[in-house]
Amino acid sequence: MKDRVALRSTSACVQNVLLLTQAAVIEDAERQGLLHPYTGSRIFEGTVGSTGISLATIARARYMSLSLPLVSC
């Protein structure tokens, strides 16, 4: 039951969109030669929210390092 609620949650949809958007940005940087998967490339992103969670997921899957300096609002 809990999984069904999460799938219908608006915040879950937003997080999925963020993940897909960030994945596209990372893949584009890889095509341009700016990032290299499986080599320990480092991603820097100032964030205070779910963007950092999305980037952490992508970086972990591609064996990249991630630095998330917290910005003040």
PDB file of N, CA and C in Angstrom:
ATOM      1  N   MET A   1       0.825  -1.188   0.000  1.00  0.00           N
ATOM      2  CA  MET A   1       0.000   0.000   0.000  1.00  0.00           C
ATOM      3  C   MET A   1       0.869   1.251   0.000  1.00  0.00           C
ATOM      4  N   LYS A   2       1.918   1.253   0.786  1.00  0.00           N
ATOM      5  CA  LYS A   2       2.798   2.413   0.880  1.00  0.00           C
ATOM      6  C   LYS A   2       3.406   2.759  -0.481  1.00  0.00           C
ATOM      7  N   ASP A   3       3.802   1.735  -1.260  1.00  0.00           N
ATOM      8  CA  ASP A   3       4.384   1.964  -2.577  1.00  0.00           C
ATOM      9  C   ASP A   3       3.385   2.610  -3.520  1.00  0.00           C
ATOM     10  N   ARG A   4       2.138   2.205  -3.448  1.00  0.00           N
ATOM     11  CA  ARG A   4       1.115   2.787  -4.309  1.00  0.00           C
ATOM     12  C   ARG A   4       0.903   4.252  -3.995  1.00  0.00           C
ATOM     13  N   VAL A   5       0.940   4.598  -2.737  1.00  0.00           N
ATOM     14  CA  VAL A   5       0.795   5.998  -2.342  1.00  0.00           C
ATOM     15  C   VAL A   5       1.978   6.802  -2.873  1.00  0.00           C
ATOM     16  N   ALA A   6       3.189   6.263  -2.771  1.00  0.00           N
ATOM     17  CA  ALA A   6       4.381   6.970  -3.247  1.00  0.00           C
ATOM     18  C   ALA A   6       4.326   7.189  -4.752  1.00  0.00           C
ATOM     19  N   LEU A   7       3.799   6.214  -5.483  1.00  0.00           N
ATOM     20  CA  LEU A   7       3.720   6.359  -6.932  1.00  0.00           C
ATOM     21  C   LEU A   7       2.729   7.443  -7.341  1.00  0.00           C
ATOM     22  N   ARG A   8       1.741   7.674  -6.545  1.00  0.00           N
ATOM     23  CA  ARG A   8       0.741   8.694  -6.850  1.00  0.00           C
ATOM     24  C   ARG A   8       1.090  10.050  -6.249  1.00  0.00           C
ATOM     25  N   SER A   9       2.128  10.115  -5.487  1.00  0.00           N
ATOM     26  CA  SER A   9       2.524  11.346  -4.821  1.00  0.00           C
ATOM     27  C   SER A   9       3.076  12.349  -5.819  1.00  0.00           C
ATOM     28  N   THR A  10       2.667  13.592  -5.691  1.00  0.00           N
ATOM     29  CA  THR A  10       3.166  14.653  -6.561  1.00  0.00           C
ATOM     30  C   THR A  10       4.665  14.839  -6.373  1.00  0.00           C
ATOM     31  N   SER A  11       5.143  14.767  -5.144  1.00  0.00           N
ATOM     32  CA  SER A  11       6.576  14.959  -4.901  1.00  0.00           C
ATOM     33  C   SER A  11       7.401  13.855  -5.545  1.00  0.00           C
ATOM     34  N   ALA A  12       6.880  12.628  -5.599  1.00  0.00           N
ATOM     35  CA  ALA A  12       7.604  11.541  -6.256  1.00  0.00           C
ATOM     36  C   ALA A  12       7.747  11.828  -7.742  1.00  0.00           C
ATOM     37  N   CYS A  13       6.712  12.370  -8.356  1.00  0.00           N
ATOM     38  CA  CYS A  13       6.772  12.724  -9.780  1.00  0.00           C
ATOM     39  C   CYS A  13       7.810  13.814 -10.022  1.00  0.00           C
ATOM     40  N   VAL A  14       7.841  14.804  -9.162  1.00  0.00           N
ATOM     41  CA  VAL A  14       8.810  15.892  -9.291  1.00  0.00           C
ATOM     42  C   VAL A  14      10.222  15.349  -9.155  1.00  0.00           C
ATOM     43  N   GLN A  15      10.441  14.461  -8.213  1.00  0.00           N
ATOM     44  CA  GLN A  15      11.763  13.879  -8.018  1.00  0.00           C
ATOM     45  C   GLN A  15      12.183  13.058  -9.226  1.00  0.00           C
ATOM     46  N   ASN A  16      11.253  12.324  -9.834  1.00  0.00           N
ATOM     47  CA  ASN A  16      11.575  11.551 -11.032  1.00  0.00           C
ATOM     48  C   ASN A  16      11.955  12.463 -12.181  1.00  0.00           C
ATOM     49  N   VAL A  17      11.237  13.559 -12.346  1.00  0.00           N
ATOM     50  CA  VAL A  17      11.555  14.518 -13.404  1.00  0.00           C
ATOM     51  C   VAL A  17      12.929  15.121 -13.160  1.00  0.00           C
ATOM     52  N   LEU A  18      13.231  15.474 -11.923  1.00  0.00           N
ATOM     53  CA  LEU A  18      14.561  16.014 -11.603  1.00  0.00           C
ATOM     54  C   LEU A  18      15.652  15.008 -11.918  1.00  0.00           C
ATOM     55  N   LEU A  19      15.431  13.754 -11.572  1.00  0.00           N
ATOM     56  CA  LEU A  19      16.415  12.714 -11.828  1.00  0.00           C
ATOM     57  C   LEU A  19      16.664  12.570 -13.327  1.00  0.00           C
ATOM     58  N   LEU A  20      15.607  12.520 -14.114  1.00  0.00           N
ATOM     59  CA  LEU A  20      15.759  12.375 -15.559  1.00  0.00           C
ATOM     60  C   LEU A  20      16.421  13.600 -16.181  1.00  0.00           C
ATOM     61  N   THR A  21      16.078  14.783 -15.690  1.00  0.00           N
ATOM     62  CA  THR A  21      16.685  16.009 -16.203  1.00  0.00           C
ATOM     63  C   THR A  21      18.170  16.046 -15.877  1.00  0.00           C
ATOM     64  N   GLN A  22      18.523  15.735 -14.631  1.00  0.00           N
ATOM     65  CA  GLN A  22      19.927  15.746 -14.237  1.00  0.00           C
ATOM     66  C   GLN A  22      20.713  14.667 -14.983  1.00  0.00           C
ATOM     67  N   ALA A  23      20.098  13.509 -15.212  1.00  0.00           N
ATOM     68  CA  ALA A  23      20.762  12.442 -15.962  1.00  0.00           C
ATOM     69  C   ALA A  23      21.075  12.914 -17.378  1.00  0.00           C
ATOM     70  N   ALA A  24      20.149  13.649 -17.992  1.00  0.00           N
ATOM     71  CA  ALA A  24      20.371  14.171 -19.344  1.00  0.00           C
ATOM     72  C   ALA A  24      21.515  15.174 -19.355  1.00  0.00           C
ATOM     73  N   VAL A  25      21.595  16.006 -18.327  1.00  0.00           N
ATOM     74  CA  VAL A  25      22.682  16.989 -18.229  1.00  0.00           C
ATOM     75  C   VAL A  25      24.026  16.281 -18.082  1.00  0.00           C
ATOM     76  N   ILE A  26      24.079  15.258 -17.239  1.00  0.00           N
ATOM     77  CA  ILE A  26      25.313  14.499 -17.029  1.00  0.00           C
ATOM     78  C   ILE A  26      25.720  13.783 -18.314  1.00  0.00           C
ATOM     79  N   GLU A  27      24.768  13.156 -18.978  1.00  0.00           N
ATOM     80  CA  GLU A  27      25.079  12.457 -20.233  1.00  0.00           C
ATOM     81  C   GLU A  27      25.573  13.431 -21.300  1.00  0.00           C
ATOM     82  N   ASP A  28      24.996  14.617 -21.354  1.00  0.00           N
ATOM     83  CA  ASP A  28      25.455  15.624 -22.305  1.00  0.00           C
ATOM     84  C   ASP A  28      26.895  16.042 -22.003  1.00  0.00           C
ATOM     85  N   ALA A  29      27.209  16.229 -20.729  1.00  0.00           N
ATOM     86  CA  ALA A  29      28.582  16.579 -20.341  1.00  0.00           C
ATOM     87  C   ALA A  29      29.551  15.454 -20.686  1.00  0.00           C
ATOM     88  N   GLU A  30      29.103  14.215 -20.577  1.00  0.00           N
ATOM     89  CA  GLU A  30      29.949  13.079 -20.959  1.00  0.00           C
ATOM     90  C   GLU A  30      30.209  13.082 -22.469  1.00  0.00           C
ATOM     91  N   ARG A  31      29.165  13.362 -23.259  1.00  0.00           N
ATOM     92  CA  ARG A  31      29.340  13.411 -24.714  1.00  0.00           C
ATOM     93  C   ARG A  31      30.297  14.525 -25.131  1.00  0.00           C
ATOM     94  N   GLN A  32      30.278  15.630 -24.386  1.00  0.00           N
ATOM     95  CA  GLN A  32      31.165  16.755 -24.680  1.00  0.00           C
ATOM     96  C   GLN A  32      32.579  16.531 -24.143  1.00  0.00           C
ATOM     97  N   GLY A  33      32.775  15.469 -23.396  1.00  0.00           N
ATOM     98  CA  GLY A  33      34.088  15.169 -22.840  1.00  0.00           C
ATOM     99  C   GLY A  33      34.413  15.923 -21.567  1.00  0.00           C
ATOM    100  N   LEU A  34      33.398  16.533 -20.952  1.00  0.00           N
ATOM    101  CA  LEU A  34      33.619  17.297 -19.720  1.00  0.00           C
ATOM    102  C   LEU A  34      33.624  16.404 -18.487  1.00  0.00           C
ATOM    103  N   LEU A  35      32.897  15.305 -18.534  1.00  0.00           N
ATOM    104  CA  LEU A  35      32.870  14.317 -17.457  1.00  0.00           C
ATOM    105  C   LEU A  35      33.150  12.949 -18.054  1.00  0.00           C
ATOM    106  N   HIS A  36      33.774  12.105 -17.252  1.00  0.00           N
ATOM    107  CA  HIS A  36      34.129  10.772 -17.730  1.00  0.00           C
ATOM    108  C   HIS A  36      33.653   9.737 -16.710  1.00  0.00           C
ATOM    109  N   PRO A  37      32.672   8.900 -17.096  1.00  0.00           N
ATOM    110  CA  PRO A  37      32.169   7.910 -16.143  1.00  0.00           C
ATOM    111  C   PRO A  37      33.228   6.876 -15.792  1.00  0.00           C
ATOM    112  N   TYR A  38      33.116   6.350 -14.591  1.00  0.00           N
ATOM    113  CA  TYR A  38      33.984   5.269 -14.087  1.00  0.00           C
ATOM    114  C   TYR A  38      35.436   5.690 -13.928  1.00  0.00           C
ATOM    115  N   THR A  39      35.705   6.997 -13.847  1.00  0.00           N
ATOM    116  CA  THR A  39      37.079   7.467 -13.675  1.00  0.00           C
ATOM    117  C   THR A  39      37.236   8.330 -12.429  1.00  0.00           C
ATOM    118  N   GLY A  40      36.155   8.551 -11.693  1.00  0.00           N
ATOM    119  CA  GLY A  40      36.245   9.397 -10.512  1.00  0.00           C
ATOM    120  C   GLY A  40      36.072  10.871 -10.819  1.00  0.00           C
ATOM    121  N   SER A  41      35.526  11.207 -11.996  1.00  0.00           N
ATOM    122  CA  SER A  41      35.221  12.611 -12.291  1.00  0.00           C
ATOM    123  C   SER A  41      34.381  13.177 -11.161  1.00  0.00           C
ATOM    124  N   ARG A  42      34.503  14.477 -10.920  1.00  0.00           N
ATOM    125  CA  ARG A  42      33.794  15.098  -9.807  1.00  0.00           C
ATOM    126  C   ARG A  42      32.765  16.096 -10.328  1.00  0.00           C
ATOM    127  N   ILE A  43      31.575  15.999  -9.778  1.00  0.00           N
ATOM    128  CA  ILE A  43      30.492  16.925 -10.082  1.00  0.00           C
ATOM    129  C   ILE A  43      30.359  17.883  -8.902  1.00  0.00           C
ATOM    130  N   PHE A  44      30.287  19.184  -9.184  1.00  0.00           N
ATOM    131  CA  PHE A  44      30.037  20.198  -8.156  1.00  0.00           C
ATOM    132  C   PHE A  44      28.685  20.831  -8.445  1.00  0.00           C
ATOM    133  N   GLU A  45      27.849  20.902  -7.440  1.00  0.00           N
ATOM    134  CA  GLU A  45      26.531  21.524  -7.618  1.00  0.00           C
ATOM    135  C   GLU A  45      26.089  22.124  -6.298  1.00  0.00           C
ATOM    136  N   GLY A  46      25.819  23.413  -6.311  1.00  0.00           N
ATOM    137  CA  GLY A  46      25.276  24.073  -5.130  1.00  0.00           C
ATOM    138  C   GLY A  46      23.783  23.779  -5.048  1.00  0.00           C
ATOM    139  N   THR A  47      23.345  23.194  -3.967  1.00  0.00           N
ATOM    140  CA  THR A  47      21.938  22.795  -3.867  1.00  0.00           C
ATOM    141  C   THR A  47      21.490  22.796  -2.412  1.00  0.00           C
ATOM    142  N   VAL A  48      20.205  22.860  -2.238  1.00  0.00           N
ATOM    143  CA  VAL A  48      19.636  22.735  -0.896  1.00  0.00           C
ATOM    144  C   VAL A  48      18.472  21.764  -0.884  1.00  0.00           C
ATOM    145  N   GLY A  49      18.279  21.020  -1.969  1.00  0.00           N
ATOM    146  CA  GLY A  49      17.090  20.183  -2.017  1.00  0.00           C
ATOM    147  C   GLY A  49      17.261  18.882  -2.759  1.00  0.00           C
ATOM    148  N   SER A  50      16.183  18.495  -3.430  1.00  0.00           N
ATOM    149  CA  SER A  50      16.122  17.180  -4.057  1.00  0.00           C
ATOM    150  C   SER A  50      17.035  17.059  -5.273  1.00  0.00           C
ATOM    151  N   THR A  51      17.521  18.170  -5.802  1.00  0.00           N
ATOM    152  CA  THR A  51      18.490  18.090  -6.902  1.00  0.00           C
ATOM    153  C   THR A  51      19.734  17.338  -6.440  1.00  0.00           C
ATOM    154  N   GLY A  52      20.158  17.584  -5.232  1.00  0.00           N
ATOM    155  CA  GLY A  52      21.324  16.892  -4.685  1.00  0.00           C
ATOM    156  C   GLY A  52      21.112  15.399  -4.570  1.00  0.00           C
ATOM    157  N   ILE A  53      19.912  14.993  -4.202  1.00  0.00           N
ATOM    158  CA  ILE A  53      19.595  13.570  -4.098  1.00  0.00           C
ATOM    159  C   ILE A  53      19.657  12.932  -5.480  1.00  0.00           C
ATOM    160  N   SER A  54      19.106  13.614  -6.478  1.00  0.00           N
ATOM    161  CA  SER A  54      19.153  13.104  -7.852  1.00  0.00           C
ATOM    162  C   SER A  54      20.584  12.976  -8.336  1.00  0.00           C
ATOM    163  N   LEU A  55      21.379  14.006  -8.106  1.00  0.00           N
ATOM    164  CA  LEU A  55      22.778  13.961  -8.535  1.00  0.00           C
ATOM    165  C   LEU A  55      23.564  12.884  -7.809  1.00  0.00           C
ATOM    166  N   ALA A  56      23.278  12.688  -6.539  1.00  0.00           N
ATOM    167  CA  ALA A  56      23.967  11.641  -5.786  1.00  0.00           C
ATOM    168  C   ALA A  56      23.666  10.266  -6.377  1.00  0.00           C
ATOM    169  N   THR A  57      22.430  10.052  -6.784  1.00  0.00           N
ATOM    170  CA  THR A  57      22.044   8.781  -7.397  1.00  0.00           C
ATOM    171  C   THR A  57      22.797   8.554  -8.698  1.00  0.00           C
ATOM    172  N   ILE A  58      22.839   9.580  -9.535  1.00  0.00           N
ATOM    173  CA  ILE A  58      23.513   9.472 -10.830  1.00  0.00           C
ATOM    174  C   ILE A  58      25.019   9.299 -10.647  1.00  0.00           C
ATOM    175  N   ALA A  59      25.611  10.112  -9.779  1.00  0.00           N
ATOM    176  CA  ALA A  59      27.058  10.035  -9.555  1.00  0.00           C
ATOM    177  C   ALA A  59      27.451   8.658  -9.033  1.00  0.00           C
ATOM    178  N   ARG A  60      26.686   8.136  -8.126  1.00  0.00           N
ATOM    179  CA  ARG A  60      26.990   6.809  -7.563  1.00  0.00           C
ATOM    180  C   ARG A  60      26.913   5.729  -8.651  1.00  0.00           C
ATOM    181  N   ALA A  61      25.907   5.815  -9.508  1.00  0.00           N
ATOM    182  CA  ALA A  61      25.732   4.820 -10.563  1.00  0.00           C
ATOM    183  C   ALA A  61      26.866   4.872 -11.586  1.00  0.00           C
ATOM    184  N   ARG A  62      27.472   6.048 -11.752  1.00  0.00           N
ATOM    185  CA  ARG A  62      28.532   6.217 -12.748  1.00  0.00           C
ATOM    186  C   ARG A  62      29.924   6.305 -12.116  1.00  0.00           C
ATOM    187  N   TYR A  63      30.014   6.002 -10.842  1.00  0.00           N
ATOM    188  CA  TYR A  63      31.288   6.021 -10.111  1.00  0.00           C
ATOM    189  C   TYR A  63      31.977   7.374 -10.217  1.00  0.00           C
ATOM    190  N   MET A  64      31.207   8.427 -10.053  1.00  0.00           N
ATOM    191  CA  MET A  64      31.754   9.782 -10.040  1.00  0.00           C
ATOM    192  C   MET A  64      31.696  10.314  -8.618  1.00  0.00           C
ATOM    193  N   SER A  65      32.579  11.252  -8.325  1.00  0.00           N
ATOM    194  CA  SER A  65      32.529  11.924  -7.028  1.00  0.00           C
ATOM    195  C   SER A  65      31.541  13.082  -7.123  1.00  0.00           C
ATOM    196  N   LEU A  66      30.988  13.461  -5.997  1.00  0.00           N
ATOM    197  CA  LEU A  66      30.003  14.535  -5.970  1.00  0.00           C
ATOM    198  C   LEU A  66      30.278  15.445  -4.793  1.00  0.00           C
ATOM    199  N   SER A  67      30.351  16.737  -5.057  1.00  0.00           N
ATOM    200  CA  SER A  67      30.478  17.735  -3.995  1.00  0.00           C
ATOM    201  C   SER A  67      29.244  18.610  -4.042  1.00  0.00           C
ATOM    202  N   LEU A  68      28.562  18.723  -2.921  1.00  0.00           N
ATOM    203  CA  LEU A  68      27.337  19.512  -2.834  1.00  0.00           C
ATOM    204  C   LEU A  68      27.496  20.600  -1.780  1.00  0.00           C
ATOM    205  N   PRO A  69      28.135  21.707  -2.134  1.00  0.00           N
ATOM    206  CA  PRO A  69      28.209  22.795  -1.165  1.00  0.00           C
ATOM    207  C   PRO A  69      26.808  23.366  -0.939  1.00  0.00           C
ATOM    208  N   LEU A  70      26.433  23.543   0.299  1.00  0.00           N
ATOM    209  CA  LEU A  70      25.105  24.059   0.617  1.00  0.00           C
ATOM    210  C   LEU A  70      25.113  25.575   0.461  1.00  0.00           C
ATOM    211  N   VAL A  71      24.165  26.061  -0.291  1.00  0.00           N
ATOM    212  CA  VAL A  71      24.052  27.505  -0.501  1.00  0.00           C
ATOM    213  C   VAL A  71      23.001  28.043   0.450  1.00  0.00           C
ATOM    214  N   SER A  72      23.181  29.278   0.880  1.00  0.00           N
ATOM    215  CA  SER A  72      22.193  29.874   1.762  1.00  0.00           C
ATOM    216  C   SER A  72      21.152  30.595   0.903  1.00  0.00           C
ATOM    217  N   CYS A  73      19.913  30.517   1.349  1.00  0.00           N
ATOM    218  CA  CYS A  73      18.805  31.125   0.584  1.00  0.00           C
ATOM    219  C   CYS A  73      18.526  32.518   1.078  1.00  0.00           C
TER     220      CYS A  73
END
